[in-house]
């Protein structure tokens, strides 16, 4: 593609500015990723083995504890997704996001949502723009027929998701929300539920963001996806 800009003398000529050059280089640097969706029951043993290794490699650098749930070829951490959106390149799994329809309680209001979680990008692809392709999950939210998509992320990821979703008008980020969930496992020395201060992502699907219930607490009534 040739980009036409004005030269210093005002004449139009084919040129590529610095910003356009960087954009072109970024496009060339991005790997070719094929995206597909899978219902959980359709996955085979080999799929779970491959995904478990992918999650261990993706979450391991953030801390050994974060990779522990995926030992023993387990490809989920807490609640199990019903749909997975998987990106693959020539090296295997490149990125992943899971979706699960569930009722949560926002303030005192029960609300049907599609929660997204198990979000990961292979470490060697970080910074290459692959995360922006995770927007492929948005049409799936519409197909599921839910009022909202819902997810939580650590506060340190707020800027990342602002670039990826908020600026594109796909989601609203809410801070100052406390989310209560059951723990993945039962520990004798800990209460069965935990409360976290996180960034909440809300995807308006069949309702507008103005219809999201007011409240500073969210109850999952189950484990995080």
C-alpha atoms as a PDB file:
ATOM      1  CA  UNK A   1       0.000   0.000   0.000  1.00  0.00           C
ATOM      2  CA  UNK A   2       1.332   3.431  -0.942  1.00  0.00           C
ATOM      3  CA  UNK A   3       0.538   6.375   1.316  1.00  0.00           C
ATOM      4  CA  UNK A   4       0.404   9.763  -0.360  1.00  0.00           C
ATOM      5  CA  UNK A   5       1.531  12.781   1.678  1.00  0.00           C
ATOM      6  CA  UNK A   6       2.344  16.378   0.835  1.00  0.00           C
ATOM      7  CA  UNK A   7       5.991  17.242   0.268  1.00  0.00           C
ATOM      8  CA  UNK A   8       7.548  20.407   1.586  1.00  0.00           C
ATOM      9  CA  UNK A   9       6.684  22.270  -1.616  1.00  0.00           C
ATOM     10  CA  UNK A  10       3.048  21.230  -1.377  1.00  0.00           C
ATOM     11  CA  UNK A  11       3.130  18.666  -4.171  1.00  0.00           C
ATOM     12  CA  UNK A  12       1.664  15.268  -3.568  1.00  0.00           C
ATOM     13  CA  UNK A  13       4.063  12.378  -3.909  1.00  0.00           C
ATOM     14  CA  UNK A  14       4.268   8.780  -2.693  1.00  0.00           C
ATOM     15  CA  UNK A  15       5.926   8.763   0.711  1.00  0.00           C
ATOM     16  CA  UNK A  16       5.766   6.927   3.958  1.00  0.00           C
ATOM     17  CA  UNK A  17       6.011   8.982   7.106  1.00  0.00           C
ATOM     18  CA  UNK A  18       7.759   7.804  10.241  1.00  0.00           C
ATOM     19  CA  UNK A  19       4.496   6.866  11.958  1.00  0.00           C
ATOM     20  CA  UNK A  20       3.290   4.921   8.934  1.00  0.00           C
ATOM     21  CA  UNK A  21       6.652   3.186   8.676  1.00  0.00           C
ATOM     22  CA  UNK A  22       6.446   2.064  12.292  1.00  0.00           C
ATOM     23  CA  UNK A  23       2.894   0.834  11.757  1.00  0.00           C
ATOM     24  CA  UNK A  24       3.956  -1.132   8.683  1.00  0.00           C
ATOM     25  CA  UNK A  25       6.887  -2.649  10.551  1.00  0.00           C
ATOM     26  CA  UNK A  26       4.600  -3.638  13.425  1.00  0.00           C
ATOM     27  CA  UNK A  27       2.221  -5.357  11.010  1.00  0.00           C
ATOM     28  CA  UNK A  28       5.096  -7.291   9.472  1.00  0.00           C
ATOM     29  CA  UNK A  29       6.398  -8.241  12.913  1.00  0.00           C
ATOM     30  CA  UNK A  30       3.080  -9.616  14.074  1.00  0.00           C
ATOM     31  CA  UNK A  31       2.823 -13.367  13.629  1.00  0.00           C
ATOM     32  CA  UNK A  32       0.058 -14.890  11.577  1.00  0.00           C
ATOM     33  CA  UNK A  33      -2.412 -16.293  14.079  1.00  0.00           C
ATOM     34  CA  UNK A  34      -5.441 -18.399  13.229  1.00  0.00           C
ATOM     35  CA  UNK A  35      -8.309 -18.102  15.698  1.00  0.00           C
ATOM     36  CA  UNK A  36     -10.874 -20.798  16.437  1.00  0.00           C
ATOM     37  CA  UNK A  37     -13.569 -21.383  19.041  1.00  0.00           C
ATOM     38  CA  UNK A  38     -14.153 -24.618  20.903  1.00  0.00           C
ATOM     39  CA  UNK A  39     -16.884 -25.852  23.230  1.00  0.00           C
ATOM     40  CA  UNK A  40     -15.313 -27.405  26.304  1.00  0.00           C
ATOM     41  CA  UNK A  41     -16.759 -30.872  25.691  1.00  0.00           C
ATOM     42  CA  UNK A  42     -15.257 -30.947  22.201  1.00  0.00           C
ATOM     43  CA  UNK A  43     -11.653 -30.682  23.404  1.00  0.00           C
ATOM     44  CA  UNK A  44      -9.599 -33.861  23.302  1.00  0.00           C
ATOM     45  CA  UNK A  45      -6.981 -35.020  25.797  1.00  0.00           C
ATOM     46  CA  UNK A  46      -4.197 -33.790  23.526  1.00  0.00           C
ATOM     47  CA  UNK A  47      -5.784 -30.324  23.526  1.00  0.00           C
ATOM     48  CA  UNK A  48      -5.784 -30.155  27.325  1.00  0.00           C
ATOM     49  CA  UNK A  49      -2.170 -31.345  27.474  1.00  0.00           C
ATOM     50  CA  UNK A  50      -1.094 -28.667  24.998  1.00  0.00           C
ATOM     51  CA  UNK A  51      -3.096 -25.928  26.721  1.00  0.00           C
ATOM     52  CA  UNK A  52      -1.797 -26.866  30.176  1.00  0.00           C
ATOM     53  CA  UNK A  53       1.784 -26.507  28.945  1.00  0.00           C
ATOM     54  CA  UNK A  54       0.887 -23.195  27.294  1.00  0.00           C
ATOM     55  CA  UNK A  55      -0.552 -21.834  30.555  1.00  0.00           C
ATOM     56  CA  UNK A  56       2.420 -23.004  32.609  1.00  0.00           C
ATOM     57  CA  UNK A  57       4.784 -21.257  30.208  1.00  0.00           C
ATOM     58  CA  UNK A  58       2.625 -18.118  30.025  1.00  0.00           C
ATOM     59  CA  UNK A  59       1.835 -17.697  33.719  1.00  0.00           C
ATOM     60  CA  UNK A  60       5.081 -19.122  35.105  1.00  0.00           C
ATOM     61  CA  UNK A  61       7.117 -15.931  34.563  1.00  0.00           C
ATOM     62  CA  UNK A  62       4.578 -14.022  36.707  1.00  0.00           C
ATOM     63  CA  UNK A  63       5.149 -16.351  39.662  1.00  0.00           C
ATOM     64  CA  UNK A  64       5.366 -20.065  40.393  1.00  0.00           C
ATOM     65  CA  UNK A  65       2.046 -19.978  42.257  1.00  0.00           C
ATOM     66  CA  UNK A  66       0.240 -18.754  39.128  1.00  0.00           C
ATOM     67  CA  UNK A  67       1.427 -21.778  37.133  1.00  0.00           C
ATOM     68  CA  UNK A  68       0.590 -24.386  39.789  1.00  0.00           C
ATOM     69  CA  UNK A  69      -3.095 -24.876  38.825  1.00  0.00           C
ATOM     70  CA  UNK A  70      -2.008 -26.191  35.423  1.00  0.00           C
ATOM     71  CA  UNK A  71       0.112 -29.062  36.681  1.00  0.00           C
ATOM     72  CA  UNK A  72      -0.965 -32.556  35.675  1.00  0.00           C
ATOM     73  CA  UNK A  73      -2.312 -31.509  32.261  1.00  0.00           C
ATOM     74  CA  UNK A  74      -5.103 -29.440  33.809  1.00  0.00           C
ATOM     75  CA  UNK A  75      -6.055 -26.649  31.401  1.00  0.00           C
ATOM     76  CA  UNK A  76      -8.188 -24.582  33.781  1.00  0.00           C
ATOM     77  CA  UNK A  77      -7.506 -22.862  37.103  1.00  0.00           C
ATOM     78  CA  UNK A  78     -10.786 -22.350  38.971  1.00  0.00           C
ATOM     79  CA  UNK A  79     -14.167 -22.477  37.276  1.00  0.00           C
ATOM     80  CA  UNK A  80     -14.075 -24.271  33.945  1.00  0.00           C
ATOM     81  CA  UNK A  81     -14.940 -22.362  30.744  1.00  0.00           C
ATOM     82  CA  UNK A  82     -17.690 -23.454  28.396  1.00  0.00           C
ATOM     83  CA  UNK A  83     -16.129 -21.860  25.316  1.00  0.00           C
ATOM     84  CA  UNK A  84     -12.468 -21.305  24.523  1.00  0.00           C
ATOM     85  CA  UNK A  85     -11.126 -18.989  21.856  1.00  0.00           C
ATOM     86  CA  UNK A  86      -7.680 -20.206  20.864  1.00  0.00           C
ATOM     87  CA  UNK A  87      -5.117 -18.521  18.637  1.00  0.00           C
ATOM     88  CA  UNK A  88      -2.483 -20.700  16.963  1.00  0.00           C
ATOM     89  CA  UNK A  89       0.574 -20.086  14.831  1.00  0.00           C
ATOM     90  CA  UNK A  90       3.209 -22.422  13.420  1.00  0.00           C
ATOM     91  CA  UNK A  91       4.602 -22.989  16.920  1.00  0.00           C
ATOM     92  CA  UNK A  92       1.309 -24.042  18.474  1.00  0.00           C
ATOM     93  CA  UNK A  93      -0.945 -22.182  20.903  1.00  0.00           C
ATOM     94  CA  UNK A  94      -0.248 -18.450  20.709  1.00  0.00           C
ATOM     95  CA  UNK A  95      -3.081 -16.983  22.778  1.00  0.00           C
ATOM     96  CA  UNK A  96      -6.188 -18.060  24.675  1.00  0.00           C
ATOM     97  CA  UNK A  97      -9.292 -16.665  26.330  1.00  0.00           C
ATOM     98  CA  UNK A  98     -12.122 -18.610  27.981  1.00  0.00           C
ATOM     99  CA  UNK A  99     -15.798 -17.677  28.392  1.00  0.00           C
ATOM    100  CA  UNK A 100     -18.372 -18.892  30.919  1.00  0.00           C
ATOM    101  CA  UNK A 101     -21.995 -17.812  31.302  1.00  0.00           C
ATOM    102  CA  UNK A 102     -22.927 -17.362  34.949  1.00  0.00           C
ATOM    103  CA  UNK A 103     -24.976 -15.248  37.335  1.00  0.00           C
ATOM    104  CA  UNK A 104     -23.108 -12.764  39.489  1.00  0.00           C
ATOM    105  CA  UNK A 105     -24.488 -10.394  42.110  1.00  0.00           C
ATOM    106  CA  UNK A 106     -23.658  -6.728  41.622  1.00  0.00           C
ATOM    107  CA  UNK A 107     -24.619  -4.862  44.769  1.00  0.00           C
ATOM    108  CA  UNK A 108     -27.895  -6.655  45.449  1.00  0.00           C
ATOM    109  CA  UNK A 109     -28.800  -7.380  41.817  1.00  0.00           C
ATOM    110  CA  UNK A 110     -28.451 -10.818  40.219  1.00  0.00           C
ATOM    111  CA  UNK A 111     -27.103 -10.437  36.704  1.00  0.00           C
ATOM    112  CA  UNK A 112     -26.402 -12.859  33.857  1.00  0.00           C
ATOM    113  CA  UNK A 113     -22.981 -12.302  32.307  1.00  0.00           C
ATOM    114  CA  UNK A 114     -20.436 -14.109  30.199  1.00  0.00           C
ATOM    115  CA  UNK A 115     -17.278 -14.035  32.288  1.00  0.00           C
ATOM    116  CA  UNK A 116     -13.984 -14.057  30.443  1.00  0.00           C
ATOM    117  CA  UNK A 117     -10.806 -15.412  31.949  1.00  0.00           C
ATOM    118  CA  UNK A 118      -7.809 -17.656  31.322  1.00  0.00           C
ATOM    119  CA  UNK A 119      -6.458 -14.817  29.225  1.00  0.00           C
ATOM    120  CA  UNK A 120      -2.891 -15.450  28.130  1.00  0.00           C
ATOM    121  CA  UNK A 121      -0.439 -14.678  25.338  1.00  0.00           C
ATOM    122  CA  UNK A 122       2.664 -16.776  24.726  1.00  0.00           C
ATOM    123  CA  UNK A 123       5.661 -14.933  26.233  1.00  0.00           C
ATOM    124  CA  UNK A 124       7.605 -14.701  22.958  1.00  0.00           C
ATOM    125  CA  UNK A 125       4.669 -12.862  21.362  1.00  0.00           C
ATOM    126  CA  UNK A 126       4.209 -10.204  24.023  1.00  0.00           C
ATOM    127  CA  UNK A 127       4.631  -6.698  22.686  1.00  0.00           C
ATOM    128  CA  UNK A 128       3.896  -7.709  19.078  1.00  0.00           C
ATOM    129  CA  UNK A 129       0.269  -6.589  19.090  1.00  0.00           C
ATOM    130  CA  UNK A 130      -1.190 -10.083  19.300  1.00  0.00           C
ATOM    131  CA  UNK A 131      -3.233  -9.138  22.375  1.00  0.00           C
ATOM    132  CA  UNK A 132      -5.314  -6.750  20.279  1.00  0.00           C
ATOM    133  CA  UNK A 133      -6.572  -9.739  18.316  1.00  0.00           C
ATOM    134  CA  UNK A 134      -8.262 -10.974  21.489  1.00  0.00           C
ATOM    135  CA  UNK A 135     -11.144  -8.765  20.396  1.00  0.00           C
ATOM    136  CA  UNK A 136     -12.276 -11.768  18.362  1.00  0.00           C
ATOM    137  CA  UNK A 137     -14.194 -12.812  21.478  1.00  0.00           C
ATOM    138  CA  UNK A 138     -16.574  -9.863  21.136  1.00  0.00           C
ATOM    139  CA  UNK A 139     -18.783 -11.407  18.392  1.00  0.00           C
ATOM    140  CA  UNK A 140     -19.000 -14.579  20.502  1.00  0.00           C
ATOM    141  CA  UNK A 141     -20.459 -12.546  23.374  1.00  0.00           C
ATOM    142  CA  UNK A 142     -23.265 -11.455  21.058  1.00  0.00           C
ATOM    143  CA  UNK A 143     -23.904 -15.029  19.975  1.00  0.00           C
ATOM    144  CA  UNK A 144     -24.209 -16.126  23.613  1.00  0.00           C
ATOM    145  CA  UNK A 145     -27.074 -13.680  24.064  1.00  0.00           C
ATOM    146  CA  UNK A 146     -25.951 -12.223  27.390  1.00  0.00           C
ATOM    147  CA  UNK A 147     -26.598  -8.654  28.576  1.00  0.00           C
ATOM    148  CA  UNK A 148     -22.942  -8.083  29.476  1.00  0.00           C
ATOM    149  CA  UNK A 149     -19.508  -9.572  29.279  1.00  0.00           C
ATOM    150  CA  UNK A 150     -17.575  -9.415  32.540  1.00  0.00           C
ATOM    151  CA  UNK A 151     -14.011  -9.933  33.633  1.00  0.00           C
ATOM    152  CA  UNK A 152     -11.486  -8.904  36.257  1.00  0.00           C
ATOM    153  CA  UNK A 153      -7.805  -8.090  35.897  1.00  0.00           C
ATOM    154  CA  UNK A 154      -5.020  -7.039  38.230  1.00  0.00           C
ATOM    155  CA  UNK A 155      -4.670  -3.252  38.699  1.00  0.00           C
ATOM    156  CA  UNK A 156      -1.232  -3.318  37.049  1.00  0.00           C
ATOM    157  CA  UNK A 157      -2.910  -4.416  33.782  1.00  0.00           C
ATOM    158  CA  UNK A 158      -5.283  -1.442  33.683  1.00  0.00           C
ATOM    159  CA  UNK A 159      -3.251   0.502  31.101  1.00  0.00           C
ATOM    160  CA  UNK A 160      -2.897  -2.567  28.883  1.00  0.00           C
ATOM    161  CA  UNK A 161      -6.647  -3.209  28.762  1.00  0.00           C
ATOM    162  CA  UNK A 162      -7.387   0.486  28.367  1.00  0.00           C
ATOM    163  CA  UNK A 163      -5.362   0.448  25.134  1.00  0.00           C
ATOM    164  CA  UNK A 164      -6.768  -2.860  23.974  1.00  0.00           C
ATOM    165  CA  UNK A 165     -10.466  -2.457  24.788  1.00  0.00           C
ATOM    166  CA  UNK A 166     -11.554   0.849  26.305  1.00  0.00           C
ATOM    167  CA  UNK A 167     -10.092   3.074  23.599  1.00  0.00           C
ATOM    168  CA  UNK A 168     -11.770   0.872  20.983  1.00  0.00           C
ATOM    169  CA  UNK A 169     -15.143   1.390  22.672  1.00  0.00           C
ATOM    170  CA  UNK A 170     -15.495  -2.329  23.399  1.00  0.00           C
ATOM    171  CA  UNK A 171     -15.451  -2.261  27.190  1.00  0.00           C
ATOM    172  CA  UNK A 172     -15.654  -0.037  30.247  1.00  0.00           C
ATOM    173  CA  UNK A 173     -13.083  -0.382  33.028  1.00  0.00           C
ATOM    174  CA  UNK A 174     -14.335   0.057  36.594  1.00  0.00           C
ATOM    175  CA  UNK A 175     -12.065   0.591  39.582  1.00  0.00           C
ATOM    176  CA  UNK A 176     -12.852   0.681  43.288  1.00  0.00           C
ATOM    177  CA  UNK A 177     -14.786  -2.607  43.055  1.00  0.00           C
ATOM    178  CA  UNK A 178     -14.334  -5.485  45.490  1.00  0.00           C
ATOM    179  CA  UNK A 179     -15.022  -8.955  44.063  1.00  0.00           C
ATOM    180  CA  UNK A 180     -15.827 -11.924  46.293  1.00  0.00           C
ATOM    181  CA  UNK A 181     -15.118 -15.448  45.008  1.00  0.00           C
ATOM    182  CA  UNK A 182     -14.753 -18.941  46.412  1.00  0.00           C
ATOM    183  CA  UNK A 183     -11.202 -20.241  46.524  1.00  0.00           C
ATOM    184  CA  UNK A 184     -10.105 -22.845  43.988  1.00  0.00           C
ATOM    185  CA  UNK A 185      -9.251 -25.274  46.773  1.00  0.00           C
ATOM    186  CA  UNK A 186     -10.304 -25.742  50.407  1.00  0.00           C
ATOM    187  CA  UNK A 187      -7.632 -24.798  52.938  1.00  0.00           C
ATOM    188  CA  UNK A 188      -8.018 -25.485  56.651  1.00  0.00           C
ATOM    189  CA  UNK A 189      -6.195 -22.274  57.570  1.00  0.00           C
ATOM    190  CA  UNK A 190      -8.144 -19.952  55.214  1.00  0.00           C
ATOM    191  CA  UNK A 191     -11.812 -18.964  54.818  1.00  0.00           C
ATOM    192  CA  UNK A 192     -13.532 -20.594  51.807  1.00  0.00           C
ATOM    193  CA  UNK A 193     -14.115 -17.239  50.085  1.00  0.00           C
ATOM    194  CA  UNK A 194     -11.725 -14.400  49.311  1.00  0.00           C
ATOM    195  CA  UNK A 195     -12.209 -10.727  48.465  1.00  0.00           C
ATOM    196  CA  UNK A 196     -10.030  -8.922  45.927  1.00  0.00           C
ATOM    197  CA  UNK A 197      -9.632  -5.305  44.844  1.00  0.00           C
ATOM    198  CA  UNK A 198      -9.431  -5.591  41.064  1.00  0.00           C
ATOM    199  CA  UNK A 199     -10.201  -3.752  37.843  1.00  0.00           C
ATOM    200  CA  UNK A 200     -13.579  -4.857  36.478  1.00  0.00           C
ATOM    201  CA  UNK A 201     -14.125  -5.030  32.707  1.00  0.00           C
ATOM    202  CA  UNK A 202     -17.701  -4.632  31.483  1.00  0.00           C
ATOM    203  CA  UNK A 203     -18.618  -5.373  27.853  1.00  0.00           C
ATOM    204  CA  UNK A 204     -22.050  -3.994  26.905  1.00  0.00           C
ATOM    205  CA  UNK A 205     -23.641  -6.646  24.693  1.00  0.00           C
ATOM    206  CA  UNK A 206     -27.447  -6.594  24.719  1.00  0.00           C
ATOM    207  CA  UNK A 207     -27.679  -3.723  27.210  1.00  0.00           C
ATOM    208  CA  UNK A 208     -25.923  -0.381  27.485  1.00  0.00           C
ATOM    209  CA  UNK A 209     -23.349   0.371  30.153  1.00  0.00           C
ATOM    210  CA  UNK A 210     -25.879   2.706  31.807  1.00  0.00           C
ATOM    211  CA  UNK A 211     -27.872  -0.415  32.743  1.00  0.00           C
ATOM    212  CA  UNK A 212     -24.991  -2.006  34.652  1.00  0.00           C
ATOM    213  CA  UNK A 213     -26.134  -2.096  38.310  1.00  0.00           C
ATOM    214  CA  UNK A 214     -24.599   0.362  40.736  1.00  0.00           C
ATOM    215  CA  UNK A 215     -22.541  -1.127  43.517  1.00  0.00           C
ATOM    216  CA  UNK A 216     -19.009  -1.418  44.818  1.00  0.00           C
ATOM    217  CA  UNK A 217     -19.143  -5.164  45.502  1.00  0.00           C
ATOM    218  CA  UNK A 218     -19.569  -8.127  43.168  1.00  0.00           C
ATOM    219  CA  UNK A 219     -20.256 -11.675  44.328  1.00  0.00           C
ATOM    220  CA  UNK A 220     -19.235 -14.415  41.914  1.00  0.00           C
ATOM    221  CA  UNK A 221     -20.814 -17.131  44.057  1.00  0.00           C
ATOM    222  CA  UNK A 222     -18.193 -19.453  42.661  1.00  0.00           C
ATOM    223  CA  UNK A 223     -14.564 -19.586  41.639  1.00  0.00           C
ATOM    224  CA  UNK A 224     -12.927 -17.171  39.247  1.00  0.00           C
ATOM    225  CA  UNK A 225     -12.664 -18.443  35.688  1.00  0.00           C
END
